Each structure stands twice: as C-alpha cells, then as structure tokens.
Amino acid sequence: MGMDTKFKESKYALIIINLLHVVESCYRRALGGSEQQHLITKSIVTQSQGVGGYNNLPANIGKQKWNPLKPKTW
C-alpha cells in the first residue's frame, strides 16, 4: 500500500478493521449454513430473443431497484 504519507497511515487501522469484518462475516455465514443454502437455491437465468428482434421482448416489469440493505436485490 505504500505507507509514505500521514493520510495513508491514518487510514491503515480502518482498512484492517474492515478486513476483519469481512472475514468474520464469511465465517458466520459458513457456520450458520447460509452459504450452503445460497448455493443450493441459486437458479439459472436465461434470456431468449424472439424472431422479430428486440421489439417483441416484454418490458422488465417488476424488476426491483438495487438496494444495499435488501439481499434479494443483490
């Protein structure tokens, strides 16, 4: 990372804390079985195009906007 400035040195602790939180989240997800359940329920999404081109495709009705607080929109 090149700790050559005071700004970078001051942000080092935040980087380490964030890294620890990511690792802890991974362990907790694996421990509770959530990761295995996610892999089991994962589905394959396919897209097909009609003969007439893009004009025959229906609009994306009901598509949810991405929200970082709702895992279903990830």
Protein backbone atom coordinates (compact mmCIF):
# COMPACT_ATOMS: atom_id res chain seq x y z
CA MET A 1 0.00 0.00 0.00
CA GLY A 2 2.98 2.30 0.44
CA MET A 3 2.71 3.92 3.87
CA ASP A 4 4.52 7.05 2.76
CA THR A 5 2.09 9.74 3.93
CA LYS A 6 0.35 10.54 7.21
CA PHE A 7 -3.05 10.23 5.48
CA LYS A 8 -2.35 6.62 4.47
CA GLU A 9 -1.05 5.79 7.93
CA SER A 10 -4.22 7.19 9.49
CA LYS A 11 -6.43 5.04 7.21
CA TYR A 12 -4.50 1.82 7.89
CA ALA A 13 -6.50 0.99 11.02
CA LEU A 14 -9.79 1.41 9.14
CA ILE A 15 -8.62 -0.93 6.38
CA ILE A 16 -7.66 -3.61 8.90
CA ILE A 17 -10.97 -3.29 10.77
CA ASN A 18 -12.94 -3.58 7.52
CA LEU A 19 -10.93 -6.62 6.50
CA LEU A 20 -11.62 -8.27 9.86
CA HIS A 21 -15.35 -7.58 9.48
CA VAL A 22 -15.38 -9.20 6.04
CA VAL A 23 -13.58 -12.30 7.33
CA GLU A 24 -15.91 -12.54 10.34
CA SER A 25 -18.98 -12.25 8.11
CA CYS A 26 -17.70 -15.07 5.91
CA TYR A 27 -17.09 -17.31 8.91
CA ARG A 28 -20.52 -16.59 10.39
CA ARG A 29 -22.26 -17.24 7.07
CA ALA A 30 -20.43 -20.54 6.67
CA LEU A 31 -21.06 -21.52 10.29
CA GLY A 32 -24.81 -20.89 10.10
CA GLY A 33 -25.14 -22.75 6.83
CA SER A 34 -26.35 -19.68 4.96
CA GLU A 35 -23.69 -20.01 2.28
CA GLN A 36 -24.58 -23.63 1.59
CA GLN A 37 -28.28 -22.73 1.42
CA HIS A 38 -27.48 -19.91 -1.01
CA LEU A 39 -25.62 -22.31 -3.29
CA ILE A 40 -28.48 -24.80 -3.21
CA THR A 41 -31.17 -22.26 -4.05
CA LYS A 42 -29.20 -20.47 -6.77
CA SER A 43 -31.05 -20.58 -10.07
CA ILE A 44 -30.01 -20.24 -13.68
CA VAL A 45 -31.39 -17.25 -15.56
CA THR A 46 -31.67 -17.49 -19.33
CA GLN A 47 -32.67 -14.93 -21.91
CA SER A 48 -34.29 -15.69 -25.21
CA GLN A 49 -34.89 -13.38 -28.13
CA GLY A 50 -37.89 -13.58 -30.41
CA VAL A 51 -37.66 -13.81 -34.18
CA GLY A 52 -38.71 -10.18 -34.60
CA GLY A 53 -35.81 -8.75 -32.58
CA TYR A 54 -35.99 -6.51 -29.55
CA ASN A 55 -39.47 -5.17 -30.34
CA ASN A 56 -41.08 -8.48 -29.35
CA LEU A 57 -39.41 -8.67 -25.93
CA PRO A 58 -41.58 -7.67 -22.98
CA ALA A 59 -40.52 -4.81 -20.76
CA ASN A 60 -38.81 -5.62 -17.45
CA ILE A 61 -41.93 -5.47 -15.32
CA GLY A 62 -41.44 -5.94 -11.60
CA LYS A 63 -37.66 -5.61 -11.60
CA GLN A 64 -36.57 -4.29 -8.24
CA LYS A 65 -34.11 -1.45 -7.94
CA TRP A 66 -30.79 -2.44 -6.33
CA ASN A 67 -30.77 -1.74 -2.61
CA PRO A 68 -27.70 -2.46 -0.44
CA LEU A 69 -29.92 -3.16 2.57
CA LYS A 70 -32.06 -5.84 0.86
CA PRO A 71 -30.20 -9.06 -0.03
CA LYS A 72 -32.92 -10.05 -2.53
CA THR A 73 -31.86 -7.17 -4.79
CA TRP A 74 -28.16 -8.14 -4.84
